[in-house]
Protein backbone atom coordinates (compact mmCIF):
# COMPACT_ATOMS: atom_id res chain seq x y z
CA MET A 1 -3.32 7.88 -7.78
CA GLU A 2 -1.33 10.18 -5.70
CA ILE A 3 0.77 10.26 -2.53
CA ARG A 4 -0.22 12.53 0.38
CA LEU A 5 2.70 12.98 3.14
CA THR A 6 1.42 13.68 6.55
CA LYS A 7 3.03 16.01 9.18
CA ARG A 8 4.03 13.37 11.37
CA PHE A 9 5.89 11.53 8.44
CA LEU A 10 7.59 14.69 7.39
CA ALA A 11 8.85 15.51 10.73
CA ALA A 12 10.30 11.92 11.07
CA VAL A 13 12.11 12.25 7.67
CA ARG A 14 13.67 15.31 8.88
CA ARG A 15 15.28 13.55 11.61
CA LEU A 16 16.71 10.90 9.38
CA PRO A 17 20.33 10.96 8.22
CA ALA A 18 20.50 12.44 4.77
CA VAL A 19 21.18 9.10 3.13
CA ASP A 20 18.07 7.34 4.83
CA ALA A 21 16.07 10.57 3.59
CA ALA A 22 17.21 10.10 0.10
CA ALA A 23 16.30 6.18 0.16
CA VAL A 24 12.90 7.25 1.53
CA ASP A 25 12.56 9.69 -1.40
CA SER A 26 13.51 7.13 -3.98
CA ALA A 27 11.33 4.25 -2.48
CA LEU A 28 8.17 6.70 -2.65
CA ALA A 29 9.04 7.67 -6.21
CA GLN A 30 8.96 3.98 -7.05
CA LEU A 31 5.76 3.31 -5.05
CA LEU A 32 3.60 5.02 -7.56
CA ALA A 33 4.83 3.07 -10.43
CA THR A 34 4.22 -0.27 -8.61
CA PHE A 35 1.31 0.06 -6.28
CA GLY A 36 -1.76 -1.75 -7.39
CA ARG A 37 0.20 -3.92 -9.78
CA PRO A 38 0.52 -7.13 -7.51
CA HIS A 39 3.12 -8.79 -9.79
CA ALA A 40 5.34 -5.67 -9.93
CA HIS A 41 5.81 -5.45 -6.18
CA THR A 42 5.23 -9.08 -4.65
CA GLY A 43 8.89 -9.78 -4.68
CA GLY A 44 9.69 -6.29 -4.03
CA SER A 45 9.11 -4.06 -0.85
CA VAL A 46 5.51 -3.54 -0.67
CA ARG A 47 3.69 -5.73 1.92
CA PRO A 48 0.08 -5.55 3.29
CA ILE A 49 -0.08 -5.18 6.95
CA ARG A 50 -4.03 -5.09 7.34
CA ALA A 51 -6.29 -3.69 4.93
CA PRO A 52 -5.86 -0.97 3.98
CA VAL A 53 -2.34 -0.48 5.66
CA TYR A 54 0.86 -1.31 4.00
CA GLU A 55 4.54 -1.37 4.67
CA LEU A 56 7.13 -0.11 2.11
CA ARG A 57 10.74 -1.44 2.73
CA VAL A 58 13.12 1.40 2.18
CA THR A 59 16.46 -0.49 3.40
CA LEU A 60 17.05 -3.34 5.45
CA ALA A 61 16.30 -1.47 8.51
CA LEU A 62 13.92 1.12 7.45
CA ARG A 63 10.12 0.87 6.74
CA VAL A 64 7.41 3.40 5.60
CA VAL A 65 3.77 2.82 6.73
CA PHE A 66 0.97 4.12 4.44
CA ALA A 67 -2.60 3.48 3.87
CA ARG A 68 -4.74 3.42 0.89
CA GLU A 69 -7.65 5.86 1.01
CA GLY A 70 -9.60 6.09 -2.21
CA ASP A 71 -7.13 7.20 -4.93
CA GLU A 72 -4.72 8.47 -2.33
CA LEU A 73 -1.83 6.70 -0.81
CA LYS A 74 -1.47 8.60 2.84
CA VAL A 75 1.99 8.22 4.06
CA ASP A 76 2.02 8.35 7.77
CA PHE A 77 5.05 6.92 9.38
CA VAL A 78 8.88 6.09 8.88
CA GLY A 79 10.98 3.90 11.03
CA THR A 80 12.61 0.71 11.90
CA HIS A 81 10.71 -2.46 12.11
CA ALA A 82 10.36 -2.30 15.95
CA GLU A 83 9.24 1.46 15.72
CA VAL A 84 6.67 0.45 13.13
CA GLN A 85 5.24 -2.31 15.36
CA ARG A 86 5.03 0.24 18.31
CA TYR A 87 3.35 2.68 15.78
CA LEU A 88 0.53 0.02 14.57
CA ARG A 89 -0.11 -1.06 18.21
CA ASN A 90 -0.84 2.56 19.05
CA THR A 91 -2.74 3.56 16.12
CA ARG A 92 -5.48 0.95 15.99
């Protein structure tokens, strides 16, 4: 499995403070090790939103939205909980 970062996601990460961008990098690095192993991430930071879309908690305030597309995890958005809710409403 591999991670694909969209242009929208990369642009959003560039606008984050350096400490948040580093936290996103760290969370994405751990994602590959735990995704698809439910017992590894049930108490952790991955939460299903609606198939095949998931949310990855990076910090208390910051979330990453990604979708499973075959053997790929397409990472498309990063933002606060409220921003994720707006994103999801607008991308149905």
